[in-house]
Amino acid sequence: MPTADPGHRQSVHALYSDHHTWLQGWLRRRLGCSFDAADLMQDTFVRVLHRPDAAAIREPRSYLATIAHGLMVNHLRRKDLERAYLQALAAMPQDQWPSAERRAVLLETLDEIDALLAALPARVRRAFLLCQLEGLPHAEIAARLGVSVSSVRQYIARALRHCLAAA
C-alpha cells in the first residue's frame, strides 16, 4: 500500500501542508459552504494518498483542482438527486413516506443509478431515458435526437448492456 512508504507519506504530507488551505478556499468559493468544502478537500487528499506517484506531481494545484472538481461535480449531482427525491416525497401523503432507513437506501440506489448512467455518452443516456422513463417509441426518440431509428436501437442496446454489466 502506498501509505506504508515513508517517502510517499512525506510527499503527501508536504502536498497537504502546502496546498490544503488553498484547496479548501477554492472549493468554498465554488460550493458556498465551508463544511462541504472541508469534506471534499479531505476526500481529494485521500485520493492522493492512495496514489503511489504523489512525489511525481509537477503541477500540484492543477492536479488537486482536477480531482476536487470531479468530486465536486459528483457531490452537486448527488445534492440535485436528493432535492428531487425530497420534492417527490413531499408530494406524497405523509403516511406513505418510507422509513428513514428506506429513504437512505433509496437515495444511495439513486446515486448509484445516476453514476452508472453518467458513464454513458449523452445521446445513449438520453435515448435510454426517453425509452425507459417516458415510454417513447424509437421513431419519436430518433426525431428528438436527430438520428436514425437504427441508431436509437443501438443506443438503447448499448445502455442496456452497460447496465447489465454493472449488475
C-alpha atoms as a PDB file:
ATOM      1  CA  MET A   1       0.000   0.000   0.000  1.00  0.00           C
ATOM      2  CA  PRO A   2       1.414   3.416  -0.903  1.00  0.00           C
ATOM      3  CA  THR A   3       0.823   4.921   2.539  1.00  0.00           C
ATOM      4  CA  ALA A   4       3.308   2.477   4.154  1.00  0.00           C
ATOM      5  CA  ASP A   5       6.252   4.060   2.308  1.00  0.00           C
ATOM      6  CA  PRO A   6       7.751   6.869   4.441  1.00  0.00           C
ATOM      7  CA  GLY A   7       8.798   8.802   1.311  1.00  0.00           C
ATOM      8  CA  HIS A   8       5.266   8.635  -0.031  1.00  0.00           C
ATOM      9  CA  ARG A   9       3.822   9.799   3.278  1.00  0.00           C
ATOM     10  CA  GLN A  10       6.255  12.724   3.338  1.00  0.00           C
ATOM     11  CA  SER A  11       5.312  13.708  -0.227  1.00  0.00           C
ATOM     12  CA  VAL A  12       1.602  13.656   0.596  1.00  0.00           C
ATOM     13  CA  HIS A  13       2.217  15.493   3.879  1.00  0.00           C
ATOM     14  CA  ALA A  14       4.160  18.215   2.054  1.00  0.00           C
ATOM     15  CA  LEU A  15       1.465  18.465  -0.608  1.00  0.00           C
ATOM     16  CA  TYR A  16      -1.209  18.731   2.084  1.00  0.00           C
ATOM     17  CA  SER A  17       0.739  21.305   4.116  1.00  0.00           C
ATOM     18  CA  ASP A  18       1.435  23.462   1.087  1.00  0.00           C
ATOM     19  CA  HIS A  19      -1.984  23.350  -0.561  1.00  0.00           C
ATOM     20  CA  HIS A  20      -4.821  22.330   1.770  1.00  0.00           C
ATOM     21  CA  THR A  21      -5.754  25.903   2.723  1.00  0.00           C
ATOM     22  CA  TRP A  22      -5.766  26.994  -0.913  1.00  0.00           C
ATOM     23  CA  LEU A  23      -7.828  23.961  -1.988  1.00  0.00           C
ATOM     24  CA  GLN A  24     -10.379  24.406   0.761  1.00  0.00           C
ATOM     25  CA  GLY A  25     -10.798  28.075  -0.204  1.00  0.00           C
ATOM     26  CA  TRP A  26     -11.105  27.125  -3.877  1.00  0.00           C
ATOM     27  CA  LEU A  27     -13.845  24.644  -3.033  1.00  0.00           C
ATOM     28  CA  ARG A  28     -15.587  27.007  -0.584  1.00  0.00           C
ATOM     29  CA  ARG A  29     -15.861  29.714  -3.261  1.00  0.00           C
ATOM     30  CA  ARG A  30     -17.448  27.251  -5.672  1.00  0.00           C
ATOM     31  CA  LEU A  31     -19.753  25.495  -3.217  1.00  0.00           C
ATOM     32  CA  GLY A  32     -20.657  28.359  -0.902  1.00  0.00           C
ATOM     33  CA  CYS A  33     -20.378  26.029   2.094  1.00  0.00           C
ATOM     34  CA  SER A  34     -17.270  25.659   4.229  1.00  0.00           C
ATOM     35  CA  PHE A  35     -18.384  22.280   5.616  1.00  0.00           C
ATOM     36  CA  ASP A  36     -18.846  20.714   2.174  1.00  0.00           C
ATOM     37  CA  ALA A  37     -15.573  22.313   1.064  1.00  0.00           C
ATOM     38  CA  ALA A  38     -13.729  20.765   4.015  1.00  0.00           C
ATOM     39  CA  ASP A  39     -15.217  17.337   3.299  1.00  0.00           C
ATOM     40  CA  LEU A  40     -14.314  17.453  -0.392  1.00  0.00           C
ATOM     41  CA  MET A  41     -10.837  18.783   0.378  1.00  0.00           C
ATOM     42  CA  GLN A  42     -10.235  15.794   2.660  1.00  0.00           C
ATOM     43  CA  ASP A  43     -11.650  13.409   0.046  1.00  0.00           C
ATOM     44  CA  THR A  44      -9.263  14.898  -2.506  1.00  0.00           C
ATOM     45  CA  PHE A  45      -6.258  14.221  -0.307  1.00  0.00           C
ATOM     46  CA  VAL A  46      -7.486  10.699   0.446  1.00  0.00           C
ATOM     47  CA  ARG A  47      -7.401  10.074  -3.300  1.00  0.00           C
ATOM     48  CA  VAL A  48      -3.873  11.498  -3.474  1.00  0.00           C
ATOM     49  CA  LEU A  49      -2.841   9.353  -0.517  1.00  0.00           C
ATOM     50  CA  HIS A  50      -3.815   6.215  -2.434  1.00  0.00           C
ATOM     51  CA  ARG A  51      -1.735   7.202  -5.477  1.00  0.00           C
ATOM     52  CA  PRO A  52       1.757   5.737  -5.416  1.00  0.00           C
ATOM     53  CA  ASP A  53       3.183   8.552  -7.563  1.00  0.00           C
ATOM     54  CA  ALA A  54       2.367  11.547  -5.341  1.00  0.00           C
ATOM     55  CA  ALA A  55       6.003  12.676  -5.386  1.00  0.00           C
ATOM     56  CA  ALA A  56       5.901  12.939  -9.197  1.00  0.00           C
ATOM     57  CA  ILE A  57       3.134  15.571  -9.300  1.00  0.00           C
ATOM     58  CA  ARG A  58       4.500  18.515 -11.291  1.00  0.00           C
ATOM     59  CA  GLU A  59       1.590  20.984 -11.068  1.00  0.00           C
ATOM     60  CA  PRO A  60       0.071  20.299  -7.636  1.00  0.00           C
ATOM     61  CA  ARG A  61      -2.679  22.934  -7.697  1.00  0.00           C
ATOM     62  CA  SER A  62      -3.866  21.910 -11.139  1.00  0.00           C
ATOM     63  CA  TYR A  63      -3.730  18.246 -10.126  1.00  0.00           C
ATOM     64  CA  LEU A  64      -5.624  18.849  -6.879  1.00  0.00           C
ATOM     65  CA  ALA A  65      -8.175  21.086  -8.603  1.00  0.00           C
ATOM     66  CA  THR A  66      -8.850  18.394 -11.205  1.00  0.00           C
ATOM     67  CA  ILE A  67      -9.513  15.756  -8.549  1.00  0.00           C
ATOM     68  CA  ALA A  68     -11.548  18.167  -6.417  1.00  0.00           C
ATOM     69  CA  HIS A  69     -13.601  19.304  -9.412  1.00  0.00           C
ATOM     70  CA  GLY A  70     -14.622  15.719 -10.197  1.00  0.00           C
ATOM     71  CA  LEU A  71     -15.573  15.145  -6.569  1.00  0.00           C
ATOM     72  CA  MET A  72     -17.481  18.442  -6.526  1.00  0.00           C
ATOM     73  CA  VAL A  73     -19.460  17.520  -9.649  1.00  0.00           C
ATOM     74  CA  ASN A  74     -20.424  14.197  -8.061  1.00  0.00           C
ATOM     75  CA  HIS A  75     -21.347  15.970  -4.829  1.00  0.00           C
ATOM     76  CA  LEU A  76     -23.555  18.502  -6.622  1.00  0.00           C
ATOM     77  CA  ARG A  77     -25.208  15.773  -8.689  1.00  0.00           C
ATOM     78  CA  ARG A  78     -26.000  13.876  -5.505  1.00  0.00           C
ATOM     79  CA  LYS A  79     -27.460  17.029  -3.931  1.00  0.00           C
ATOM     80  CA  ASP A  80     -29.678  17.513  -7.008  1.00  0.00           C
ATOM     81  CA  LEU A  81     -30.861  13.916  -6.769  1.00  0.00           C
ATOM     82  CA  GLU A  82     -31.608  14.309  -3.067  1.00  0.00           C
ATOM     83  CA  ARG A  83     -33.516  17.547  -3.719  1.00  0.00           C
ATOM     84  CA  ALA A  84     -35.610  15.932  -6.471  1.00  0.00           C
ATOM     85  CA  TYR A  85     -36.300  12.894  -4.291  1.00  0.00           C
ATOM     86  CA  LEU A  86     -37.356  15.051  -1.353  1.00  0.00           C
ATOM     87  CA  GLN A  87     -39.670  17.081  -3.620  1.00  0.00           C
ATOM     88  CA  ALA A  88     -41.278  13.876  -4.868  1.00  0.00           C
ATOM     89  CA  LEU A  89     -41.590  12.656  -1.288  1.00  0.00           C
ATOM     90  CA  ALA A  90     -43.211  15.922  -0.194  1.00  0.00           C
ATOM     91  CA  ALA A  91     -45.878  15.425  -2.867  1.00  0.00           C
ATOM     92  CA  MET A  92     -46.888  12.100  -1.282  1.00  0.00           C
ATOM     93  CA  PRO A  93     -49.189  11.735   1.721  1.00  0.00           C
ATOM     94  CA  GLN A  94     -47.044  11.551   4.840  1.00  0.00           C
ATOM     95  CA  ASP A  95     -48.453   8.160   5.856  1.00  0.00           C
ATOM     96  CA  GLN A  96     -46.956   6.701   2.644  1.00  0.00           C
ATOM     97  CA  TRP A  97     -43.433   8.003   3.259  1.00  0.00           C
ATOM     98  CA  PRO A  98     -40.788   5.315   3.572  1.00  0.00           C
ATOM     99  CA  SER A  99     -38.866   4.975   6.823  1.00  0.00           C
ATOM    100  CA  ALA A 100     -35.629   6.929   7.305  1.00  0.00           C
ATOM    101  CA  GLU A 101     -33.632   3.754   6.679  1.00  0.00           C
ATOM    102  CA  ARG A 102     -35.542   3.029   3.472  1.00  0.00           C
ATOM    103  CA  ARG A 103     -35.059   6.643   2.314  1.00  0.00           C
ATOM    104  CA  ALA A 104     -31.304   6.319   2.871  1.00  0.00           C
ATOM    105  CA  VAL A 105     -31.213   3.108   0.826  1.00  0.00           C
ATOM    106  CA  LEU A 106     -33.313   4.689  -1.926  1.00  0.00           C
ATOM    107  CA  LEU A 107     -31.045   7.751  -2.107  1.00  0.00           C
ATOM    108  CA  GLU A 108     -27.962   5.550  -2.257  1.00  0.00           C
ATOM    109  CA  THR A 109     -29.552   3.490  -5.036  1.00  0.00           C
ATOM    110  CA  LEU A 110     -30.490   6.632  -6.970  1.00  0.00           C
ATOM    111  CA  ASP A 111     -26.913   7.847  -6.624  1.00  0.00           C
ATOM    112  CA  GLU A 112     -25.583   4.534  -7.980  1.00  0.00           C
ATOM    113  CA  ILE A 113     -28.005   4.610 -10.923  1.00  0.00           C
ATOM    114  CA  ASP A 114     -27.053   8.209 -11.663  1.00  0.00           C
ATOM    115  CA  ALA A 115     -23.341   7.349 -11.643  1.00  0.00           C
ATOM    116  CA  LEU A 116     -23.997   4.351 -13.891  1.00  0.00           C
ATOM    117  CA  LEU A 117     -25.929   6.438 -16.407  1.00  0.00           C
ATOM    118  CA  ALA A 118     -23.442   9.321 -16.214  1.00  0.00           C
ATOM    119  CA  ALA A 119     -20.787   6.960 -17.589  1.00  0.00           C
ATOM    120  CA  LEU A 120     -22.746   6.667 -20.841  1.00  0.00           C
ATOM    121  CA  PRO A 121     -22.346   9.074 -23.746  1.00  0.00           C
ATOM    122  CA  ALA A 122     -25.011  11.810 -23.682  1.00  0.00           C
ATOM    123  CA  ARG A 123     -27.052  10.559 -26.657  1.00  0.00           C
ATOM    124  CA  VAL A 124     -27.012   6.961 -25.428  1.00  0.00           C
ATOM    125  CA  ARG A 125     -28.138   8.060 -21.965  1.00  0.00           C
ATOM    126  CA  ARG A 126     -30.848  10.343 -23.348  1.00  0.00           C
ATOM    127  CA  ALA A 127     -32.230   7.698 -25.719  1.00  0.00           C
ATOM    128  CA  PHE A 128     -32.294   5.162 -22.895  1.00  0.00           C
ATOM    129  CA  LEU A 129     -34.081   7.535 -20.512  1.00  0.00           C
ATOM    130  CA  LEU A 130     -36.619   8.638 -23.126  1.00  0.00           C
ATOM    131  CA  CYS A 131     -37.413   4.998 -23.797  1.00  0.00           C
ATOM    132  CA  GLN A 132     -37.449   3.742 -20.206  1.00  0.00           C
ATOM    133  CA  LEU A 133     -38.889   6.709 -18.318  1.00  0.00           C
ATOM    134  CA  GLU A 134     -41.121   8.364 -20.882  1.00  0.00           C
ATOM    135  CA  GLY A 135     -42.013   5.246 -22.863  1.00  0.00           C
ATOM    136  CA  LEU A 136     -41.427   6.966 -26.182  1.00  0.00           C
ATOM    137  CA  PRO A 137     -41.298   4.867 -29.335  1.00  0.00           C
ATOM    138  CA  HIS A 138     -37.959   4.605 -31.138  1.00  0.00           C
ATOM    139  CA  ALA A 139     -39.161   6.795 -34.018  1.00  0.00           C
ATOM    140  CA  GLU A 140     -40.009   9.675 -31.693  1.00  0.00           C
ATOM    141  CA  ILE A 141     -36.712   9.326 -29.839  1.00  0.00           C
ATOM    142  CA  ALA A 142     -34.903   9.385 -33.186  1.00  0.00           C
ATOM    143  CA  ALA A 143     -36.734  12.581 -34.169  1.00  0.00           C
ATOM    144  CA  ARG A 144     -35.910  14.262 -30.848  1.00  0.00           C
ATOM    145  CA  LEU A 145     -32.235  13.305 -31.063  1.00  0.00           C
ATOM    146  CA  GLY A 146     -31.915  13.930 -34.799  1.00  0.00           C
ATOM    147  CA  VAL A 147     -30.638  10.419 -35.515  1.00  0.00           C
ATOM    148  CA  SER A 148     -31.936   7.332 -37.286  1.00  0.00           C
ATOM    149  CA  VAL A 149     -34.183   4.739 -35.673  1.00  0.00           C
ATOM    150  CA  SER A 150     -31.409   2.156 -36.039  1.00  0.00           C
ATOM    151  CA  SER A 151     -29.088   4.479 -34.080  1.00  0.00           C
ATOM    152  CA  VAL A 152     -31.691   4.712 -31.325  1.00  0.00           C
ATOM    153  CA  ARG A 153     -31.885   0.909 -31.203  1.00  0.00           C
ATOM    154  CA  GLN A 154     -28.101   0.735 -30.952  1.00  0.00           C
ATOM    155  CA  TYR A 155     -28.036   3.390 -28.213  1.00  0.00           C
ATOM    156  CA  ILE A 156     -30.652   1.594 -26.149  1.00  0.00           C
ATOM    157  CA  ALA A 157     -28.932  -1.763 -26.615  1.00  0.00           C
ATOM    158  CA  ARG A 158     -25.626  -0.205 -25.566  1.00  0.00           C
ATOM    159  CA  ALA A 159     -27.205   1.295 -22.440  1.00  0.00           C
ATOM    160  CA  LEU A 160     -28.843  -1.999 -21.531  1.00  0.00           C
ATOM    161  CA  ARG A 161     -25.539  -3.876 -21.950  1.00  0.00           C
ATOM    162  CA  HIS A 162     -23.853  -1.249 -19.780  1.00  0.00           C
ATOM    163  CA  CYS A 163     -26.489  -1.658 -17.053  1.00  0.00           C
ATOM    164  CA  LEU A 164     -26.346  -5.441 -17.193  1.00  0.00           C
ATOM    165  CA  ALA A 165     -22.563  -5.428 -16.970  1.00  0.00           C
ATOM    166  CA  ALA A 166     -22.797  -3.362 -13.779  1.00  0.00           C
ATOM    167  CA  ALA A 167     -25.355  -5.694 -12.183  1.00  0.00           C
END
